[in-house]
Amino acid sequence: MDEPTASLDLGNETKVLQQVRALKGRGLSVVLSTHDPDHAFFAADRVALMADGGIVALGAPEDVITPTNLMRLYGVAVSVVYVPELGRRIVAPSMRNEGTAP
């Protein structure tokens, strides 16, 4: 699947990702490309991060989707945090303005 949630609103994006996870739950292999690391945390067992036409990291989402790797890919600082209520990690970009208090 090449960017199956592109241009979808949040509700329909969630429905598509739930279906991807359901397919995985039935034992099917799914290859999905996305620019959103949260999609991988939600639906993937393995992740390949790609840059400049090659794979820069490969493995379990929690091992591969790290602030360091995402900085290399996107050029922005991010936090990767575990949210107990969701039972998974999420990615949040740092959107702090320089010179302002946290």
Protein backbone atom coordinates (compact mmCIF):
# COMPACT_ATOMS: atom_id res chain seq x y z
CA MET A 1 0.00 0.00 0.00
CA ASP A 2 1.48 3.31 -1.05
CA GLU A 3 0.36 6.05 1.35
CA PRO A 4 -3.16 4.59 1.79
CA THR A 5 -4.15 7.35 4.23
CA ALA A 6 -2.92 10.29 2.15
CA SER A 7 -5.48 13.12 2.04
CA LEU A 8 -7.86 11.38 4.43
CA ASP A 9 -9.38 13.06 7.45
CA LEU A 10 -8.51 11.67 10.88
CA GLY A 11 -11.59 9.45 11.11
CA ASN A 12 -11.07 7.75 7.76
CA GLU A 13 -7.32 7.51 8.33
CA THR A 14 -8.03 5.63 11.55
CA LYS A 15 -10.46 3.28 9.79
CA VAL A 16 -7.89 2.44 7.11
CA LEU A 17 -5.16 1.76 9.68
CA GLN A 18 -7.55 -0.42 11.71
CA GLN A 19 -8.21 -2.47 8.57
CA VAL A 20 -4.46 -2.82 7.94
CA ARG A 21 -4.02 -4.08 11.48
CA ALA A 22 -6.97 -6.46 11.04
CA LEU A 23 -5.35 -7.92 7.90
CA LYS A 24 -2.14 -8.42 9.85
CA GLY A 25 -4.15 -10.07 12.61
CA ARG A 26 -5.48 -12.57 10.07
CA GLY A 27 -1.93 -13.58 9.25
CA LEU A 28 -1.55 -11.61 6.03
CA SER A 29 1.62 -9.74 5.20
CA VAL A 30 1.10 -6.07 4.42
CA VAL A 31 3.71 -3.72 2.98
CA LEU A 32 2.75 -0.11 3.66
CA SER A 33 4.62 3.09 2.90
CA THR A 34 3.95 6.16 5.00
CA HIS A 35 5.59 9.38 6.09
CA ASP A 36 3.88 9.16 9.49
CA PRO A 37 5.85 7.18 12.09
CA ASP A 38 2.72 6.89 14.25
CA HIS A 39 1.22 4.64 11.57
CA ALA A 40 4.10 2.22 12.04
CA PHE A 41 3.71 2.20 15.81
CA PHE A 42 0.01 1.42 15.33
CA ALA A 43 0.17 -1.27 12.65
CA ALA A 44 3.69 -2.57 12.01
CA ASP A 45 5.81 -5.43 13.31
CA ARG A 46 8.86 -4.34 11.30
CA VAL A 47 9.89 -0.97 9.92
CA ALA A 48 12.37 0.09 7.26
CA LEU A 49 13.37 3.74 7.39
CA MET A 50 14.51 4.98 3.99
CA ALA A 51 16.52 8.00 2.89
CA ASP A 52 18.38 8.83 -0.30
CA GLY A 53 17.08 5.69 -1.98
CA GLY A 54 18.33 3.27 0.67
CA ILE A 55 17.39 1.70 3.97
CA VAL A 56 18.98 3.48 6.93
CA ALA A 57 17.37 1.42 9.70
CA LEU A 58 15.43 -1.85 9.82
CA GLY A 59 13.76 -3.63 12.71
CA ALA A 60 10.96 -3.46 15.26
CA PRO A 61 9.25 -0.06 15.40
CA GLU A 62 10.35 0.60 18.98
CA ASP A 63 13.99 -0.07 18.01
CA VAL A 64 13.98 1.88 14.74
CA ILE A 65 11.64 4.83 15.26
CA THR A 66 13.85 6.86 17.56
CA PRO A 67 14.43 10.59 17.96
CA THR A 68 17.92 10.20 16.48
CA ASN A 69 16.73 8.30 13.40
CA LEU A 70 13.81 10.65 12.81
CA MET A 71 16.11 13.68 13.10
CA ARG A 72 18.25 12.12 10.36
CA LEU A 73 15.21 11.58 8.14
CA TYR A 74 13.15 14.71 8.73
CA GLY A 75 15.64 17.22 10.10
CA VAL A 76 13.47 18.15 13.08
CA ALA A 77 13.69 17.29 16.76
CA VAL A 78 11.03 14.88 17.98
CA SER A 79 10.05 13.08 21.12
CA VAL A 80 9.01 9.45 21.08
CA VAL A 81 6.84 8.70 24.10
CA TYR A 82 4.94 5.69 25.37
CA VAL A 83 1.28 6.44 26.07
CA PRO A 84 -0.09 3.82 28.48
CA GLU A 85 -3.72 4.60 27.58
CA LEU A 86 -2.95 3.74 23.94
CA GLY A 87 -0.62 0.85 24.69
CA ARG A 88 1.92 2.15 22.18
CA ARG A 89 4.44 4.86 21.42
CA ILE A 90 3.69 8.06 19.54
CA VAL A 91 5.88 10.69 17.90
CA ALA A 92 5.58 14.39 18.68
CA PRO A 93 7.69 16.99 16.84
CA SER A 94 9.26 19.70 18.93
CA MET A 95 7.49 22.89 17.99
CA ARG A 96 9.05 25.08 20.63
CA ASN A 97 10.04 28.57 19.63
CA GLU A 98 13.63 29.42 20.36
CA GLY A 99 13.97 31.69 23.39
CA THR A 100 10.60 30.84 24.92
CA ALA A 101 10.04 29.02 28.19
CA PRO A 102 8.84 25.41 28.02
